[in-house]
PDB file of N, CA and C in Angstrom:
ATOM      1  N   MET A   1      80.673 153.344  77.885  1.00  0.00           N
ATOM      2  CA  MET A   1      79.934 154.011  78.915  1.00  0.00           C
ATOM      3  C   MET A   1      80.332 153.410  80.267  1.00  0.00           C
ATOM      4  N   ASN A   2      80.673 154.218  81.212  1.00  0.00           N
ATOM      5  CA  ASN A   2      81.072 153.749  82.538  1.00  0.00           C
ATOM      6  C   ASN A   2      79.866 153.649  83.462  1.00  0.00           C
ATOM      7  N   TRP A   3      79.788 152.525  84.168  1.00  0.00           N
ATOM      8  CA  TRP A   3      78.755 152.318  85.169  1.00  0.00           C
ATOM      9  C   TRP A   3      79.424 152.450  86.532  1.00  0.00           C
ATOM     10  N   ASN A   4      79.806 153.664  86.883  1.00  0.00           N
ATOM     11  CA  ASN A   4      80.589 153.864  88.091  1.00  0.00           C
ATOM     12  C   ASN A   4      80.106 155.034  88.949  1.00  0.00           C
ATOM     13  N   GLN A   5      78.879 155.442  88.773  1.00  0.00           N
ATOM     14  CA  GLN A   5      78.393 156.578  89.531  1.00  0.00           C
ATOM     15  C   GLN A   5      77.813 156.113  90.863  1.00  0.00           C
ATOM     16  N   PRO A   6      78.349 156.631  91.988  1.00  0.00           N
ATOM     17  CA  PRO A   6      77.807 156.249  93.297  1.00  0.00           C
ATOM     18  C   PRO A   6      76.458 156.927  93.545  1.00  0.00           C
ATOM     19  N   GLU A   7      75.711 156.367  94.480  1.00  0.00           N
ATOM     20  CA  GLU A   7      74.424 156.941  94.871  1.00  0.00           C
ATOM     21  C   GLU A   7      74.673 158.237  95.632  1.00  0.00           C
ATOM     22  N   LYS A   8      73.906 159.282  95.309  1.00  0.00           N
ATOM     23  CA  LYS A   8      74.078 160.583  95.977  1.00  0.00           C
ATOM     24  C   LYS A   8      72.748 161.045  96.559  1.00  0.00           C
ATOM     25  N   HIS A   9      72.755 161.358  97.843  1.00  0.00           N
ATOM     26  CA  HIS A   9      71.591 161.913  98.545  1.00  0.00           C
ATOM     27  C   HIS A   9      70.373 161.006  98.425  1.00  0.00           C
ATOM     28  N   GLY A  10      70.570 159.692  98.438  1.00  0.00           N
ATOM     29  CA  GLY A  10      69.462 158.749  98.401  1.00  0.00           C
ATOM     30  C   GLY A  10      68.841 158.558  97.027  1.00  0.00           C
ATOM     31  N   LYS A  11      69.391 159.184  96.004  1.00  0.00           N
ATOM     32  CA  LYS A  11      68.850 159.052  94.650  1.00  0.00           C
ATOM     33  C   LYS A  11      69.776 158.169  93.820  1.00  0.00           C
ATOM     34  N   GLU A  12      69.158 157.300  93.039  1.00  0.00           N
ATOM     35  CA  GLU A  12      69.952 156.414  92.187  1.00  0.00           C
ATOM     36  C   GLU A  12      70.369 157.169  90.923  1.00  0.00           C
ATOM     37  N   PRO A  13      71.663 157.116  90.575  1.00  0.00           N
ATOM     38  CA  PRO A  13      72.126 157.824  89.387  1.00  0.00           C
ATOM     39  C   PRO A  13      71.713 157.106  88.105  1.00  0.00           C
ATOM     40  N   GLU A  14      71.973 157.741  86.982  1.00  0.00           N
ATOM     41  CA  GLU A  14      71.633 157.173  85.679  1.00  0.00           C
ATOM     42  C   GLU A  14      72.416 155.893  85.412  1.00  0.00           C
ATOM     43  N   ARG A  15      73.684 155.863  85.770  1.00  0.00           N
ATOM     44  CA  ARG A  15      74.534 154.678  85.587  1.00  0.00           C
ATOM     45  C   ARG A  15      75.165 154.318  86.936  1.00  0.00           C
ATOM     46  N   PRO A  16      74.440 153.552  87.765  1.00  0.00           N
ATOM     47  CA  PRO A  16      74.936 153.264  89.124  1.00  0.00           C
ATOM     48  C   PRO A  16      76.113 152.300  89.130  1.00  0.00           C
ATOM     49  N   ALA A  17      76.966 152.468  90.112  1.00  0.00           N
ATOM     50  CA  ALA A  17      78.088 151.557  90.315  1.00  0.00           C
ATOM     51  C   ALA A  17      77.553 150.250  90.880  1.00  0.00           C
ATOM     52  N   PRO A  18      78.131 149.110  90.490  1.00  0.00           N
ATOM     53  CA  PRO A  18      77.671 147.836  91.039  1.00  0.00           C
ATOM     54  C   PRO A  18      77.995 147.726  92.523  1.00  0.00           C
ATOM     55  N   VAL A  19      77.107 147.077  93.260  1.00  0.00           N
ATOM     56  CA  VAL A  19      77.281 146.911  94.697  1.00  0.00           C
ATOM     57  C   VAL A  19      77.124 145.425  95.016  1.00  0.00           C
ATOM     58  N   LEU A  20      78.007 144.903  95.845  1.00  0.00           N
ATOM     59  CA  LEU A  20      77.944 143.512  96.258  1.00  0.00           C
ATOM     60  C   LEU A  20      77.716 143.474  97.755  1.00  0.00           C
ATOM     61  N   GLU A  21      76.599 142.839  98.171  1.00  0.00           N
ATOM     62  CA  GLU A  21      76.277 142.732  99.584  1.00  0.00           C
ATOM     63  C   GLU A  21      76.369 141.278 100.008  1.00  0.00           C
ATOM     64  N   PHE A  22      76.959 141.026 101.161  1.00  0.00           N
ATOM     65  CA  PHE A  22      77.116 139.678 101.688  1.00  0.00           C
ATOM     66  C   PHE A  22      76.098 139.417 102.784  1.00  0.00           C
ATOM     67  N   ALA A  23      75.550 138.218 102.779  1.00  0.00           N
ATOM     68  CA  ALA A  23      74.617 137.820 103.832  1.00  0.00           C
ATOM     69  C   ALA A  23      75.411 137.322 105.027  1.00  0.00           C
ATOM     70  N   LYS A  24      74.805 137.385 106.198  1.00  0.00           N
ATOM     71  CA  LYS A  24      75.454 136.906 107.406  1.00  0.00           C
ATOM     72  C   LYS A  24      75.662 135.396 107.298  1.00  0.00           C
ATOM     73  N   ALA A  25      76.830 134.930 107.694  1.00  0.00           N
ATOM     74  CA  ALA A  25      77.160 133.511 107.612  1.00  0.00           C
ATOM     75  C   ALA A  25      76.321 132.710 108.588  1.00  0.00           C
ATOM     76  N   THR A  26      75.975 131.488 108.167  1.00  0.00           N
ATOM     77  CA  THR A  26      75.251 130.571 109.044  1.00  0.00           C
ATOM     78  C   THR A  26      76.197 129.446 109.419  1.00  0.00           C
ATOM     79  N   GLY A  27      75.835 128.655 110.404  1.00  0.00           N
ATOM     80  CA  GLY A  27      76.705 127.589 110.878  1.00  0.00           C
ATOM     81  C   GLY A  27      76.685 126.336 110.029  1.00  0.00           C
ATOM     82  N   ASP A  28      75.802 126.249 109.008  1.00  0.00           N
ATOM     83  CA  ASP A  28      75.699 125.018 108.234  1.00  0.00           C
ATOM     84  C   ASP A  28      76.652 124.964 107.046  1.00  0.00           C
ATOM     85  N   LYS A  29      77.423 125.988 106.818  1.00  0.00           N
ATOM     86  CA  LYS A  29      78.427 126.071 105.748  1.00  0.00           C
ATOM     87  C   LYS A  29      77.835 125.977 104.347  1.00  0.00           C
ATOM     88  N   HIS A  30      76.528 126.202 104.208  1.00  0.00           N
ATOM     89  CA  HIS A  30      75.912 126.177 102.891  1.00  0.00           C
ATOM     90  C   HIS A  30      75.459 127.559 102.455  1.00  0.00           C
ATOM     91  N   GLY A  31      75.319 128.475 103.360  1.00  0.00           N
ATOM     92  CA  GLY A  31      74.915 129.826 103.032  1.00  0.00           C
ATOM     93  C   GLY A  31      73.471 129.919 102.608  1.00  0.00           C
ATOM     94  N   GLY A  32      73.030 131.110 102.317  1.00  0.00           N
ATOM     95  CA  GLY A  32      71.660 131.326 101.885  1.00  0.00           C
ATOM     96  C   GLY A  32      70.717 131.452 103.060  1.00  0.00           C
ATOM     97  N   ASP A  33      69.572 132.076 102.815  1.00  0.00           N
ATOM     98  CA  ASP A  33      68.591 132.287 103.881  1.00  0.00           C
ATOM     99  C   ASP A  33      67.740 131.060 104.138  1.00  0.00           C
ATOM    100  N   ASP A  34      67.571 130.183 103.139  1.00  0.00           N
ATOM    101  CA  ASP A  34      66.684 129.035 103.259  1.00  0.00           C
ATOM    102  C   ASP A  34      67.427 127.757 103.624  1.00  0.00           C
ATOM    103  N   ALA A  35      68.606 127.868 104.190  1.00  0.00           N
ATOM    104  CA  ALA A  35      69.414 126.688 104.478  1.00  0.00           C
ATOM    105  C   ALA A  35      68.790 125.805 105.555  1.00  0.00           C
ATOM    106  N   SER A  36      67.963 126.378 106.429  1.00  0.00           N
ATOM    107  CA  SER A  36      67.385 125.577 107.498  1.00  0.00           C
ATOM    108  C   SER A  36      66.161 124.791 107.037  1.00  0.00           C
ATOM    109  N   GLU A  37      65.612 125.113 105.868  1.00  0.00           N
ATOM    110  CA  GLU A  37      64.447 124.408 105.349  1.00  0.00           C
ATOM    111  C   GLU A  37      64.882 123.141 104.619  1.00  0.00           C
ATOM    112  N   PRO A  38      64.119 122.049 104.744  1.00  0.00           N
ATOM    113  CA  PRO A  38      64.491 120.818 104.052  1.00  0.00           C
ATOM    114  C   PRO A  38      64.346 120.974 102.544  1.00  0.00           C
ATOM    115  N   ALA A  39      65.178 120.249 101.804  1.00  0.00           N
ATOM    116  CA  ALA A  39      65.130 120.298 100.349  1.00  0.00           C
ATOM    117  C   ALA A  39      63.850 119.644  99.842  1.00  0.00           C
ATOM    118  N   ASP A  40      63.320 120.168  98.776  1.00  0.00           N
ATOM    119  CA  ASP A  40      62.120 119.614  98.155  1.00  0.00           C
ATOM    120  C   ASP A  40      62.501 118.355  97.392  1.00  0.00           C
ATOM    121  N   ALA A  41      61.835 117.260  97.658  1.00  0.00           N
ATOM    122  CA  ALA A  41      62.158 115.980  97.034  1.00  0.00           C
ATOM    123  C   ALA A  41      61.907 115.997  95.536  1.00  0.00           C
ATOM    124  N   SER A  42      61.012 116.842  95.056  1.00  0.00           N
ATOM    125  CA  SER A  42      60.710 116.872  93.629  1.00  0.00           C
ATOM    126  C   SER A  42      61.830 117.491  92.815  1.00  0.00           C
ATOM    127  N   THR A  43      62.713 118.259  93.435  1.00  0.00           N
ATOM    128  CA  THR A  43      63.811 118.882  92.701  1.00  0.00           C
ATOM    129  C   THR A  43      65.109 118.111  92.855  1.00  0.00           C
ATOM    130  N   ALA A  44      65.096 117.013  93.595  1.00  0.00           N
ATOM    131  CA  ALA A  44      66.317 116.232  93.803  1.00  0.00           C
ATOM    132  C   ALA A  44      66.710 115.521  92.511  1.00  0.00           C
ATOM    133  N   THR A  45      68.004 115.409  92.294  1.00  0.00           N
ATOM    134  CA  THR A  45      68.524 114.727  91.115  1.00  0.00           C
ATOM    135  C   THR A  45      68.830 113.286  91.457  1.00  0.00           C
ATOM    136  N   ASP A  46      68.482 112.393  90.572  1.00  0.00           N
ATOM    137  CA  ASP A  46      68.746 110.974  90.794  1.00  0.00           C
ATOM    138  C   ASP A  46      70.221 110.702  90.536  1.00  0.00           C
ATOM    139  N   THR A  47      70.934 110.333  91.578  1.00  0.00           N
ATOM    140  CA  THR A  47      72.362 110.036  91.453  1.00  0.00           C
ATOM    141  C   THR A  47      72.633 108.590  91.815  1.00  0.00           C
ATOM    142  N   SER A  48      71.670 107.709  91.537  1.00  0.00           N
ATOM    143  CA  SER A  48      71.802 106.312  91.940  1.00  0.00           C
ATOM    144  C   SER A  48      72.826 105.548  91.125  1.00  0.00           C
ATOM    145  N   GLY A  49      73.136 106.001  89.935  1.00  0.00           N
ATOM    146  CA  GLY A  49      74.102 105.282  89.123  1.00  0.00           C
ATOM    147  C   GLY A  49      74.540 106.106  87.929  1.00  0.00           C
ATOM    148  N   PRO A  50      75.539 105.601  87.220  1.00  0.00           N
ATOM    149  CA  PRO A  50      76.047 106.346  86.065  1.00  0.00           C
ATOM    150  C   PRO A  50      75.040 106.322  84.906  1.00  0.00           C
ATOM    151  N   ASP A  51      75.139 107.292  84.071  1.00  0.00           N
ATOM    152  CA  ASP A  51      74.276 107.426  82.915  1.00  0.00           C
ATOM    153  C   ASP A  51      74.703 106.411  81.849  1.00  0.00           C
ATOM    154  N   PRO A  52      73.809 105.553  81.374  1.00  0.00           N
ATOM    155  CA  PRO A  52      74.190 104.549  80.371  1.00  0.00           C
ATOM    156  C   PRO A  52      74.690 105.175  79.070  1.00  0.00           C
ATOM    157  N   LEU A  53      74.086 106.268  78.650  1.00  0.00           N
ATOM    158  CA  LEU A  53      74.533 106.922  77.421  1.00  0.00           C
ATOM    159  C   LEU A  53      75.962 107.424  77.572  1.00  0.00           C
ATOM    160  N   ALA A  54      76.300 107.969  78.724  1.00  0.00           N
ATOM    161  CA  ALA A  54      77.658 108.458  78.957  1.00  0.00           C
ATOM    162  C   ALA A  54      78.660 107.311  78.907  1.00  0.00           C
ATOM    163  N   ARG A  55      78.279 106.166  79.447  1.00  0.00           N
ATOM    164  CA  ARG A  55      79.171 105.003  79.401  1.00  0.00           C
ATOM    165  C   ARG A  55      79.405 104.546  77.971  1.00  0.00           C
ATOM    166  N   VAL A  56      78.344 104.492  77.170  1.00  0.00           N
ATOM    167  CA  VAL A  56      78.474 104.054  75.775  1.00  0.00           C
ATOM    168  C   VAL A  56      79.333 105.039  74.991  1.00  0.00           C
ATOM    169  N   LEU A  57      79.071 106.327  75.160  1.00  0.00           N
ATOM    170  CA  LEU A  57      79.863 107.328  74.443  1.00  0.00           C
ATOM    171  C   LEU A  57      81.326 107.290  74.873  1.00  0.00           C
ATOM    172  N   GLY A  58      81.575 107.071  76.140  1.00  0.00           N
ATOM    173  CA  GLY A  58      82.948 106.963  76.626  1.00  0.00           C
ATOM    174  C   GLY A  58      83.649 105.764  76.033  1.00  0.00           C
ATOM    175  N   ALA A  59      82.962 104.634  75.965  1.00  0.00           N
ATOM    176  CA  ALA A  59      83.553 103.428  75.390  1.00  0.00           C
ATOM    177  C   ALA A  59      83.840 103.619  73.907  1.00  0.00           C
ATOM    178  N   VAL A  60      82.933 104.261  73.194  1.00  0.00           N
ATOM    179  CA  VAL A  60      83.149 104.530  71.768  1.00  0.00           C
ATOM    180  C   VAL A  60      84.343 105.454  71.582  1.00  0.00           C
ATOM    181  N   ALA A  61      84.462 106.467  72.409  1.00  0.00           N
ATOM    182  CA  ALA A  61      85.584 107.396  72.298  1.00  0.00           C
ATOM    183  C   ALA A  61      86.914 106.684  72.543  1.00  0.00           C
ATOM    184  N   VAL A  62      86.955 105.810  73.541  1.00  0.00           N
ATOM    185  CA  VAL A  62      88.181 105.058  73.817  1.00  0.00           C
ATOM    186  C   VAL A  62      88.513 104.150  72.636  1.00  0.00           C
ATOM    187  N   ALA A  63      87.513 103.509  72.054  1.00  0.00           N
ATOM    188  CA  ALA A  63      87.734 102.628  70.912  1.00  0.00           C
ATOM    189  C   ALA A  63      88.260 103.401  69.707  1.00  0.00           C
ATOM    190  N   VAL A  64      87.724 104.576  69.455  1.00  0.00           N
ATOM    191  CA  VAL A  64      88.185 105.398  68.329  1.00  0.00           C
ATOM    192  C   VAL A  64      89.628 105.829  68.542  1.00  0.00           C
ATOM    193  N   VAL A  65      89.967 106.247  69.737  1.00  0.00           N
ATOM    194  CA  VAL A  65      91.351 106.657  70.029  1.00  0.00           C
ATOM    195  C   VAL A  65      92.293 105.474  69.855  1.00  0.00           C
ATOM    196  N   ALA A  66      91.904 104.305  70.326  1.00  0.00           N
ATOM    197  CA  ALA A  66      92.746 103.112  70.181  1.00  0.00           C
ATOM    198  C   ALA A  66      92.915 102.746  68.716  1.00  0.00           C
ATOM    199  N   LEU A  67      91.864 102.841  67.929  1.00  0.00           N
ATOM    200  CA  LEU A  67      91.937 102.531  66.503  1.00  0.00           C
ATOM    201  C   LEU A  67      92.853 103.500  65.776  1.00  0.00           C
ATOM    202  N   VAL A  68      92.730 104.776  66.050  1.00  0.00           N
ATOM    203  CA  VAL A  68      93.595 105.778  65.423  1.00  0.00           C
ATOM    204  C   VAL A  68      95.048 105.535  65.805  1.00  0.00           C
ATOM    205  N   ALA A  69      95.304 105.243  67.071  1.00  0.00           N
ATOM    206  CA  ALA A  69      96.682 104.975  67.509  1.00  0.00           C
ATOM    207  C   ALA A  69      97.235 103.739  66.804  1.00  0.00           C
ATOM    208  N   ALA A  70      96.434 102.701  66.666  1.00  0.00           N
ATOM    209  CA  ALA A  70      96.905 101.479  65.993  1.00  0.00           C
ATOM    210  C   ALA A  70      97.215 101.744  64.534  1.00  0.00           C
ATOM    211  N   VAL A  71      96.378 102.501  63.851  1.00  0.00           N
ATOM    212  CA  VAL A  71      96.618 102.817  62.434  1.00  0.00           C
ATOM    213  C   VAL A  71      97.896 103.635  62.296  1.00  0.00           C
ATOM    214  N   LEU A  72      98.099 104.608  63.165  1.00  0.00           N
ATOM    215  CA  LEU A  72      99.310 105.435  63.083  1.00  0.00           C
ATOM    216  C   LEU A  72     100.563 104.609  63.348  1.00  0.00           C
ATOM    217  N   VAL A  73     100.530 103.717  64.307  1.00  0.00           N
ATOM    218  CA  VAL A  73     101.682 102.868  64.609  1.00  0.00           C
ATOM    219  C   VAL A  73     101.969 101.949  63.427  1.00  0.00           C
ATOM    220  N   ARG A  74     100.930 101.385  62.852  1.00  0.00           N
ATOM    221  CA  ARG A  74     101.122 100.472  61.720  1.00  0.00           C
ATOM    222  C   ARG A  74     101.695 101.212  60.517  1.00  0.00           C
ATOM    223  N   ARG A  75     101.214 102.406  60.240  1.00  0.00           N
ATOM    224  CA  ARG A  75     101.755 103.199  59.120  1.00  0.00           C
ATOM    225  C   ARG A  75     103.223 103.521  59.344  1.00  0.00           C
ATOM    226  N   ARG A  76     103.567 103.863  60.563  1.00  0.00           N
ATOM    227  CA  ARG A  76     104.947 104.219  60.859  1.00  0.00           C
ATOM    228  C   ARG A  76     105.870 103.018  60.662  1.00  0.00           C
ATOM    229  N   ARG A  77     105.426 101.834  61.041  1.00  0.00           N
ATOM    230  CA  ARG A  77     106.239 100.620  60.907  1.00  0.00           C
ATOM    231  C   ARG A  77     106.418 100.208  59.449  1.00  0.00           C
ATOM    232  N   THR A  78     105.396 100.406  58.614  1.00  0.00           N
ATOM    233  CA  THR A  78     105.495  99.998  57.221  1.00  0.00           C
ATOM    234  C   THR A  78     106.298 100.973  56.388  1.00  0.00           C
ATOM    235  N   THR A  79     106.406 102.251  56.805  1.00  0.00           N
ATOM    236  CA  THR A  79     107.157 103.234  56.029  1.00  0.00           C
ATOM    237  C   THR A  79     108.598 103.316  56.459  1.00  0.00           C
ATOM    238  N   THR A  80     108.951 102.793  57.614  1.00  0.00           N
ATOM    239  CA  THR A  80     110.323 102.839  58.087  1.00  0.00           C
ATOM    240  C   THR A  80     111.111 101.679  57.461  1.00  0.00           C
ATOM    241  N   PRO A  81     112.270 101.996  56.818  1.00  0.00           N
ATOM    242  CA  PRO A  81     113.069 100.932  56.163  1.00  0.00           C
ATOM    243  C   PRO A  81     113.772 100.041  57.162  1.00  0.00           C
TER     244      PRO A  81
END
């Protein structure tokens, strides 16, 4: 089914074509109508430091990759005459 019917005589068709409207640009380079209002402190994300779980998972992943590489190198050395 095609959604490509333009509006005719002020009436919306059964399957209207998509329309994209742009807002007027503001000088703050952030866009949006509420750009001049201060951000709500309750919605701010804490970016004070790295996530400890991410660090642990990253370290485990590096250790697993190193272990696999060591096993593969050792197997290759023992099978080569």
